[in-house]
Amino acid sequence: MIHNGRFFYEMFSSKPDRDFFENWFGKGLHFPFPLFMAFLAKGGEFFGGILVLTGLFTRVGAFLIAFTMLVATLTANLGKNWEVDGTITVSFCLFAIPLIYWGGGKYALDSVFNKKAISRNI
């Protein structure tokens, strides 16, 4: 997911990229405000990946990834290229669900900060 950072920046930096996303999200997928929706999708992937990678707000980051991948599966990847595109988005969505349920674990920054907060209250 983090590899989308470069793509996230370049998405609005050139006119051909903006035109591509406007046509794909607007005319192909029929989303309202296509550039804004493309920005939200890439932002959810990028920032969700950063949050999961660092272990900070893991559940929030995993939710961003799962929701983005669910929407991508239901809108863009159902159809003729299911084996190529659909299985990847479903896999990312399914891998994010346990992180939403259980969190990042004992080595995540969430648990480190949570232990410090609990020890201050005692």
C-alpha atoms as a PDB file:
ATOM      1  CA  MET A   1       0.000   0.000   0.000  1.00  0.00           C
ATOM      2  CA  ILE A   2       2.813   2.398   0.748  1.00  0.00           C
ATOM      3  CA  HIS A   3       4.173   2.280  -2.781  1.00  0.00           C
ATOM      4  CA  ASN A   4       1.164   4.432  -3.655  1.00  0.00           C
ATOM      5  CA  GLY A   5       2.844   7.441  -2.037  1.00  0.00           C
ATOM      6  CA  ARG A   6       4.668   8.354  -5.218  1.00  0.00           C
ATOM      7  CA  PHE A   7       1.544   7.683  -7.208  1.00  0.00           C
ATOM      8  CA  PHE A   8      -0.492   9.692  -4.684  1.00  0.00           C
ATOM      9  CA  TYR A   9       1.713  12.720  -5.328  1.00  0.00           C
ATOM     10  CA  GLU A  10       1.856  12.293  -9.094  1.00  0.00           C
ATOM     11  CA  MET A  11      -1.878  11.785  -9.475  1.00  0.00           C
ATOM     12  CA  PHE A  12      -2.589  15.509  -9.518  1.00  0.00           C
ATOM     13  CA  SER A  13       0.750  16.783 -10.786  1.00  0.00           C
ATOM     14  CA  SER A  14       0.197  16.329 -14.531  1.00  0.00           C
ATOM     15  CA  LYS A  15      -2.769  16.937 -16.769  1.00  0.00           C
ATOM     16  CA  PRO A  16      -2.758  13.459 -18.412  1.00  0.00           C
ATOM     17  CA  ASP A  17      -2.961  11.809 -14.984  1.00  0.00           C
ATOM     18  CA  ARG A  18      -5.806  14.066 -13.894  1.00  0.00           C
ATOM     19  CA  ASP A  19      -7.634  13.388 -17.151  1.00  0.00           C
ATOM     20  CA  PHE A  20      -7.150   9.633 -16.747  1.00  0.00           C
ATOM     21  CA  PHE A  21      -8.606   9.591 -13.226  1.00  0.00           C
ATOM     22  CA  GLU A  22     -11.397  11.939 -14.150  1.00  0.00           C
ATOM     23  CA  ASN A  23     -12.412   9.673 -17.030  1.00  0.00           C
ATOM     24  CA  TRP A  24     -11.985   6.437 -15.080  1.00  0.00           C
ATOM     25  CA  PHE A  25     -13.703   7.487 -11.853  1.00  0.00           C
ATOM     26  CA  GLY A  26     -16.254   9.741 -13.538  1.00  0.00           C
ATOM     27  CA  LYS A  27     -17.208   8.091 -16.801  1.00  0.00           C
ATOM     28  CA  GLY A  28     -16.082   4.532 -16.131  1.00  0.00           C
ATOM     29  CA  LEU A  29     -17.175   4.060 -12.513  1.00  0.00           C
ATOM     30  CA  HIS A  30     -19.806   6.852 -12.423  1.00  0.00           C
ATOM     31  CA  PHE A  31     -18.587   8.386  -9.166  1.00  0.00           C
ATOM     32  CA  PRO A  32     -19.604  11.954  -8.378  1.00  0.00           C
ATOM     33  CA  PHE A  33     -16.624  14.305  -8.043  1.00  0.00           C
ATOM     34  CA  PRO A  34     -14.200  11.858  -9.692  1.00  0.00           C
ATOM     35  CA  LEU A  35     -10.925  13.586  -8.800  1.00  0.00           C
ATOM     36  CA  PHE A  36     -11.972  13.974  -5.189  1.00  0.00           C
ATOM     37  CA  MET A  37     -12.955  10.294  -5.030  1.00  0.00           C
ATOM     38  CA  ALA A  38      -9.627   9.273  -6.577  1.00  0.00           C
ATOM     39  CA  PHE A  39      -7.853  11.423  -4.005  1.00  0.00           C
ATOM     40  CA  LEU A  40      -9.803   9.763  -1.176  1.00  0.00           C
ATOM     41  CA  ALA A  41      -9.065   6.266  -2.493  1.00  0.00           C
ATOM     42  CA  LYS A  42      -5.341   6.845  -2.848  1.00  0.00           C
ATOM     43  CA  GLY A  43      -5.234   8.717   0.452  1.00  0.00           C
ATOM     44  CA  GLY A  44      -6.952   5.835   2.237  1.00  0.00           C
ATOM     45  CA  GLU A  45      -4.471   3.362   0.792  1.00  0.00           C
ATOM     46  CA  PHE A  46      -1.424   5.500   1.514  1.00  0.00           C
ATOM     47  CA  PHE A  47      -2.235   6.736   5.011  1.00  0.00           C
ATOM     48  CA  GLY A  48      -3.803   3.421   6.009  1.00  0.00           C
ATOM     49  CA  GLY A  49      -0.607   1.669   4.955  1.00  0.00           C
ATOM     50  CA  ILE A  50       1.516   4.138   6.928  1.00  0.00           C
ATOM     51  CA  LEU A  51      -0.614   3.649  10.040  1.00  0.00           C
ATOM     52  CA  VAL A  52      -0.520  -0.150   9.784  1.00  0.00           C
ATOM     53  CA  LEU A  53       3.218  -0.161   9.079  1.00  0.00           C
ATOM     54  CA  THR A  54       4.044   1.984  12.092  1.00  0.00           C
ATOM     55  CA  GLY A  55       1.512   0.285  14.347  1.00  0.00           C
ATOM     56  CA  LEU A  56       0.032   3.615  15.359  1.00  0.00           C
ATOM     57  CA  PHE A  57      -3.774   3.708  15.192  1.00  0.00           C
ATOM     58  CA  THR A  58      -3.612   0.271  13.592  1.00  0.00           C
ATOM     59  CA  ARG A  59      -7.350  -0.313  13.671  1.00  0.00           C
ATOM     60  CA  VAL A  60      -8.073   3.003  11.973  1.00  0.00           C
ATOM     61  CA  GLY A  61      -5.473   2.320   9.277  1.00  0.00           C
ATOM     62  CA  ALA A  62      -6.766  -1.194   8.713  1.00  0.00           C
ATOM     63  CA  PHE A  63     -10.305   0.143   8.426  1.00  0.00           C
ATOM     64  CA  LEU A  64      -9.191   2.656   5.786  1.00  0.00           C
ATOM     65  CA  ILE A  65      -7.547  -0.139   3.800  1.00  0.00           C
ATOM     66  CA  ALA A  66     -10.455  -2.572   4.178  1.00  0.00           C
ATOM     67  CA  PHE A  67     -13.071   0.008   3.217  1.00  0.00           C
ATOM     68  CA  THR A  68     -11.094   1.228   0.201  1.00  0.00           C
ATOM     69  CA  MET A  69     -10.497  -2.327  -1.005  1.00  0.00           C
ATOM     70  CA  LEU A  70     -14.143  -3.289  -0.489  1.00  0.00           C
ATOM     71  CA  VAL A  71     -15.318  -0.324  -2.552  1.00  0.00           C
ATOM     72  CA  ALA A  72     -12.691  -1.093  -5.210  1.00  0.00           C
ATOM     73  CA  THR A  73     -13.833  -4.708  -5.373  1.00  0.00           C
ATOM     74  CA  LEU A  74     -17.518  -3.888  -5.624  1.00  0.00           C
ATOM     75  CA  THR A  75     -17.202  -1.061  -8.139  1.00  0.00           C
ATOM     76  CA  ALA A  76     -14.153  -1.574 -10.309  1.00  0.00           C
ATOM     77  CA  ASN A  77     -13.024  -5.178 -10.093  1.00  0.00           C
ATOM     78  CA  LEU A  78     -16.193  -7.196 -10.483  1.00  0.00           C
ATOM     79  CA  GLY A  79     -16.454  -8.448 -14.022  1.00  0.00           C
ATOM     80  CA  LYS A  80     -14.226  -9.786 -16.743  1.00  0.00           C
ATOM     81  CA  ASN A  81     -10.806  -9.324 -15.044  1.00  0.00           C
ATOM     82  CA  TRP A  82     -11.742 -10.867 -11.701  1.00  0.00           C
ATOM     83  CA  GLU A  83      -8.738 -13.231 -11.596  1.00  0.00           C
ATOM     84  CA  VAL A  84      -6.302 -10.384 -12.207  1.00  0.00           C
ATOM     85  CA  ASP A  85      -7.736  -7.445 -10.284  1.00  0.00           C
ATOM     86  CA  GLY A  86     -10.467  -8.738  -8.000  1.00  0.00           C
ATOM     87  CA  THR A  87      -8.469 -11.253  -6.034  1.00  0.00           C
ATOM     88  CA  ILE A  88      -5.862  -8.665  -5.019  1.00  0.00           C
ATOM     89  CA  THR A  89      -8.378  -6.221  -3.588  1.00  0.00           C
ATOM     90  CA  VAL A  90     -10.301  -8.990  -1.817  1.00  0.00           C
ATOM     91  CA  SER A  91      -7.028 -10.272  -0.327  1.00  0.00           C
ATOM     92  CA  PHE A  92      -6.072  -6.825   0.995  1.00  0.00           C
ATOM     93  CA  CYS A  93      -9.557  -6.422   2.458  1.00  0.00           C
ATOM     94  CA  LEU A  94      -9.422  -9.835   4.145  1.00  0.00           C
ATOM     95  CA  PHE A  95      -5.918  -9.211   5.503  1.00  0.00           C
ATOM     96  CA  ALA A  96      -7.082  -5.931   7.051  1.00  0.00           C
ATOM     97  CA  ILE A  97     -10.080  -7.416   8.873  1.00  0.00           C
ATOM     98  CA  PRO A  98      -8.046  -9.252  11.579  1.00  0.00           C
ATOM     99  CA  LEU A  99      -6.124  -6.040  12.216  1.00  0.00           C
ATOM    100  CA  ILE A 100      -9.405  -4.227  12.760  1.00  0.00           C
ATOM    101  CA  TYR A 101     -10.543  -6.908  15.198  1.00  0.00           C
ATOM    102  CA  TRP A 102      -7.332  -7.632  17.143  1.00  0.00           C
ATOM    103  CA  GLY A 103      -5.266  -4.495  16.565  1.00  0.00           C
ATOM    104  CA  GLY A 104      -1.536  -4.316  16.020  1.00  0.00           C
ATOM    105  CA  GLY A 105      -0.372  -6.608  18.803  1.00  0.00           C
ATOM    106  CA  LYS A 106       2.097  -6.180  21.621  1.00  0.00           C
ATOM    107  CA  TYR A 107       4.902  -4.732  19.480  1.00  0.00           C
ATOM    108  CA  ALA A 108       2.805  -2.013  17.840  1.00  0.00           C
ATOM    109  CA  LEU A 109       3.177   1.605  18.909  1.00  0.00           C
ATOM    110  CA  ASP A 110      -0.461   1.491  20.030  1.00  0.00           C
ATOM    111  CA  SER A 111       0.360  -0.954  22.810  1.00  0.00           C
ATOM    112  CA  VAL A 112       3.507   0.925  23.835  1.00  0.00           C
ATOM    113  CA  PHE A 113       1.586   4.183  24.233  1.00  0.00           C
ATOM    114  CA  ASN A 114      -1.301   2.379  25.897  1.00  0.00           C
ATOM    115  CA  LYS A 115       1.035   0.844  28.500  1.00  0.00           C
ATOM    116  CA  LYS A 116       2.489   4.262  29.275  1.00  0.00           C
ATOM    117  CA  ALA A 117      -0.987   5.753  29.660  1.00  0.00           C
ATOM    118  CA  ILE A 118      -2.098   2.935  31.971  1.00  0.00           C
ATOM    119  CA  SER A 119       1.040   3.226  34.142  1.00  0.00           C
ATOM    120  CA  ARG A 120       0.461   6.989  34.592  1.00  0.00           C
ATOM    121  CA  ASN A 121      -3.080   6.430  35.881  1.00  0.00           C
ATOM    122  CA  ILE A 122      -1.992   3.952  38.560  1.00  0.00           C
END
